[in-house]
Every structure is written in structure tokens, then in C-alpha cells.
């Protein structure tokens, strides 16, 4: 089952995002290699700077998705002001390899 995370950063935390990004990308690379990560990318503010995240993962259930996303370095350093995780049905534009 797919789960979509939409998360917004705490205000004024761009430097924390930048500093944590290498560990975050490494973690997402691990999830991609295992087939659990389907897509991900940052939300951008009016100036084009990242200020949140959109991540779609495949997991057995909501608890497994929560646990997976809680291990993300961005979550571990407390970057997010808010985070919403929902079951998601990828209907349009889904590549055959996803």
C-alpha cells in the first residue's frame, strides 16, 4: 500500500535542512534501493527555497509507514512543523517501474 507524507518545515530552519540534507538523501537512497520509496521532493517557497517535503513510500500498513518516515534524518532533527501521512492511490502518471 502507498502512503504520502506532506510535511512543512518550521520557519527559519533552512540551514538545518541544508545541514541535514546529505543524511536525508542517503536515507532516501536506501529506501529507493529497497523499493520502498516511490517518489520524493521538496516543497518550495516563493523564493524557490525548500521549505517542506513530499514523500511517497510503500509499506504494509500505516504503522510501518510511520516508522519508516520517523527514521528519516529530517524527522529525527525535528525539522518539520507539521506532517500529514495518508494512504494514497497513485492513479495517473504512474511509471511502469514504480
C-alpha atoms as a PDB file:
ATOM      1  CA  UNK A   1       0.000   0.000   0.000  1.00  0.00           C
ATOM      2  CA  UNK A   2       1.218   3.517  -0.771  1.00  0.00           C
ATOM      3  CA  UNK A   3       1.436   6.341   1.759  1.00  0.00           C
ATOM      4  CA  UNK A   4       2.040  10.034   1.047  1.00  0.00           C
ATOM      5  CA  UNK A   5       3.755  12.338   3.518  1.00  0.00           C
ATOM      6  CA  UNK A   6       3.302  16.086   3.220  1.00  0.00           C
ATOM      7  CA  UNK A   7       5.459  17.964   5.689  1.00  0.00           C
ATOM      8  CA  UNK A   8       6.213  21.649   6.213  1.00  0.00           C
ATOM      9  CA  UNK A   9       9.405  22.882   7.829  1.00  0.00           C
ATOM     10  CA  UNK A  10       9.498  25.011  10.946  1.00  0.00           C
ATOM     11  CA  UNK A  11      10.004  28.664  10.000  1.00  0.00           C
ATOM     12  CA  UNK A  12      13.617  29.795   9.794  1.00  0.00           C
ATOM     13  CA  UNK A  13      15.054  26.277   9.535  1.00  0.00           C
ATOM     14  CA  UNK A  14      16.584  26.367   6.055  1.00  0.00           C
ATOM     15  CA  UNK A  15      20.109  25.932   7.454  1.00  0.00           C
ATOM     16  CA  UNK A  16      19.025  22.867   9.450  1.00  0.00           C
ATOM     17  CA  UNK A  17      17.533  21.434   6.234  1.00  0.00           C
ATOM     18  CA  UNK A  18      20.758  22.133   4.321  1.00  0.00           C
ATOM     19  CA  UNK A  19      22.951  20.666   7.058  1.00  0.00           C
ATOM     20  CA  UNK A  20      20.833  17.505   7.333  1.00  0.00           C
ATOM     21  CA  UNK A  21      20.287  17.010   3.593  1.00  0.00           C
ATOM     22  CA  UNK A  22      23.204  14.600   2.951  1.00  0.00           C
ATOM     23  CA  UNK A  23      21.923  12.180   5.600  1.00  0.00           C
ATOM     24  CA  UNK A  24      18.332  12.625   4.368  1.00  0.00           C
ATOM     25  CA  UNK A  25      19.337  11.863   0.753  1.00  0.00           C
ATOM     26  CA  UNK A  26      21.345   8.820   1.867  1.00  0.00           C
ATOM     27  CA  UNK A  27      18.309   7.524   3.754  1.00  0.00           C
ATOM     28  CA  UNK A  28      16.040   8.055   0.743  1.00  0.00           C
ATOM     29  CA  UNK A  29      18.612   6.269  -1.444  1.00  0.00           C
ATOM     30  CA  UNK A  30      18.346   3.261   0.905  1.00  0.00           C
ATOM     31  CA  UNK A  31      14.549   3.305   0.670  1.00  0.00           C
ATOM     32  CA  UNK A  32      14.716   3.582  -3.120  1.00  0.00           C
ATOM     33  CA  UNK A  33      17.153   0.658  -3.339  1.00  0.00           C
ATOM     34  CA  UNK A  34      14.800  -1.487  -1.252  1.00  0.00           C
ATOM     35  CA  UNK A  35      11.816  -0.495  -3.413  1.00  0.00           C
ATOM     36  CA  UNK A  36      10.028   1.274  -0.567  1.00  0.00           C
ATOM     37  CA  UNK A  37      10.488   4.837  -1.872  1.00  0.00           C
ATOM     38  CA  UNK A  38       8.286   5.658  -4.856  1.00  0.00           C
ATOM     39  CA  UNK A  39       8.874   9.415  -5.200  1.00  0.00           C
ATOM     40  CA  UNK A  40      10.045  12.367  -3.164  1.00  0.00           C
ATOM     41  CA  UNK A  41      10.940  16.017  -3.414  1.00  0.00           C
ATOM     42  CA  UNK A  42      10.859  19.307  -1.563  1.00  0.00           C
ATOM     43  CA  UNK A  43       8.139  21.921  -1.487  1.00  0.00           C
ATOM     44  CA  UNK A  44       9.450  25.371  -2.405  1.00  0.00           C
ATOM     45  CA  UNK A  45       8.682  28.807  -1.002  1.00  0.00           C
ATOM     46  CA  UNK A  46       8.027  31.929  -3.089  1.00  0.00           C
ATOM     47  CA  UNK A  47      11.792  32.413  -3.482  1.00  0.00           C
ATOM     48  CA  UNK A  48      12.347  28.858  -4.717  1.00  0.00           C
ATOM     49  CA  UNK A  49      13.950  27.680  -1.460  1.00  0.00           C
ATOM     50  CA  UNK A  50      12.929  24.314   0.015  1.00  0.00           C
ATOM     51  CA  UNK A  51      10.514  24.541   2.940  1.00  0.00           C
ATOM     52  CA  UNK A  52       8.865  21.139   3.172  1.00  0.00           C
ATOM     53  CA  UNK A  53       8.747  17.621   1.798  1.00  0.00           C
ATOM     54  CA  UNK A  54       6.502  15.339  -0.242  1.00  0.00           C
ATOM     55  CA  UNK A  55       7.406  11.665   0.059  1.00  0.00           C
ATOM     56  CA  UNK A  56       5.548   8.582  -1.163  1.00  0.00           C
ATOM     57  CA  UNK A  57       6.511   5.204   0.262  1.00  0.00           C
ATOM     58  CA  UNK A  58       5.211   1.677   0.004  1.00  0.00           C
ATOM     59  CA  UNK A  59       4.571  -0.089   3.300  1.00  0.00           C
ATOM     60  CA  UNK A  60       2.424  -2.905   4.670  1.00  0.00           C
ATOM     61  CA  UNK A  61       0.309  -0.559   6.781  1.00  0.00           C
ATOM     62  CA  UNK A  62       0.147   2.905   8.338  1.00  0.00           C
ATOM     63  CA  UNK A  63       2.259   1.909  11.351  1.00  0.00           C
ATOM     64  CA  UNK A  64       5.051   0.616   9.109  1.00  0.00           C
ATOM     65  CA  UNK A  65       4.928   3.813   7.014  1.00  0.00           C
ATOM     66  CA  UNK A  66       5.068   5.967  10.167  1.00  0.00           C
ATOM     67  CA  UNK A  67       8.054   4.023  11.471  1.00  0.00           C
ATOM     68  CA  UNK A  68       9.851   4.272   8.127  1.00  0.00           C
ATOM     69  CA  UNK A  69       9.348   8.034   7.913  1.00  0.00           C
ATOM     70  CA  UNK A  70      10.269   8.550  11.579  1.00  0.00           C
ATOM     71  CA  UNK A  71      13.743   7.200  10.724  1.00  0.00           C
ATOM     72  CA  UNK A  72      14.257   9.986   8.149  1.00  0.00           C
ATOM     73  CA  UNK A  73      17.023  12.327   9.365  1.00  0.00           C
ATOM     74  CA  UNK A  74      14.777  15.358   8.758  1.00  0.00           C
ATOM     75  CA  UNK A  75      12.229  13.913  11.193  1.00  0.00           C
ATOM     76  CA  UNK A  76      14.945  12.955  13.676  1.00  0.00           C
ATOM     77  CA  UNK A  77      16.302  16.526  13.897  1.00  0.00           C
ATOM     78  CA  UNK A  78      12.819  17.979  14.336  1.00  0.00           C
ATOM     79  CA  UNK A  79      12.794  19.921  11.048  1.00  0.00           C
ATOM     80  CA  UNK A  80       9.056  19.625  10.458  1.00  0.00           C
ATOM     81  CA  UNK A  81       6.465  21.983  11.871  1.00  0.00           C
ATOM     82  CA  UNK A  82       3.696  19.735  10.594  1.00  0.00           C
ATOM     83  CA  UNK A  83       3.479  16.358   8.926  1.00  0.00           C
ATOM     84  CA  UNK A  84       0.483  14.580   7.456  1.00  0.00           C
ATOM     85  CA  UNK A  85       0.675  10.923   6.423  1.00  0.00           C
ATOM     86  CA  UNK A  86      -2.171   9.387   4.425  1.00  0.00           C
ATOM     87  CA  UNK A  87      -2.854   6.277   2.406  1.00  0.00           C
ATOM     88  CA  UNK A  88      -2.559   7.237  -1.258  1.00  0.00           C
ATOM     89  CA  UNK A  89      -3.686   5.719  -4.562  1.00  0.00           C
ATOM     90  CA  UNK A  90      -1.341   6.588  -7.442  1.00  0.00           C
ATOM     91  CA  UNK A  91      -3.839   6.728 -10.302  1.00  0.00           C
ATOM     92  CA  UNK A  92      -2.404   8.908 -13.097  1.00  0.00           C
ATOM     93  CA  UNK A  93       1.124   9.307 -14.400  1.00  0.00           C
ATOM     94  CA  UNK A  94       2.438   6.237 -12.633  1.00  0.00           C
ATOM     95  CA  UNK A  95       5.502   4.883 -14.438  1.00  0.00           C
ATOM     96  CA  UNK A  96       5.533   1.165 -15.161  1.00  0.00           C
ATOM     97  CA  UNK A  97       8.638   0.758 -12.990  1.00  0.00           C
ATOM     98  CA  UNK A  98       7.248   2.468  -9.883  1.00  0.00           C
END
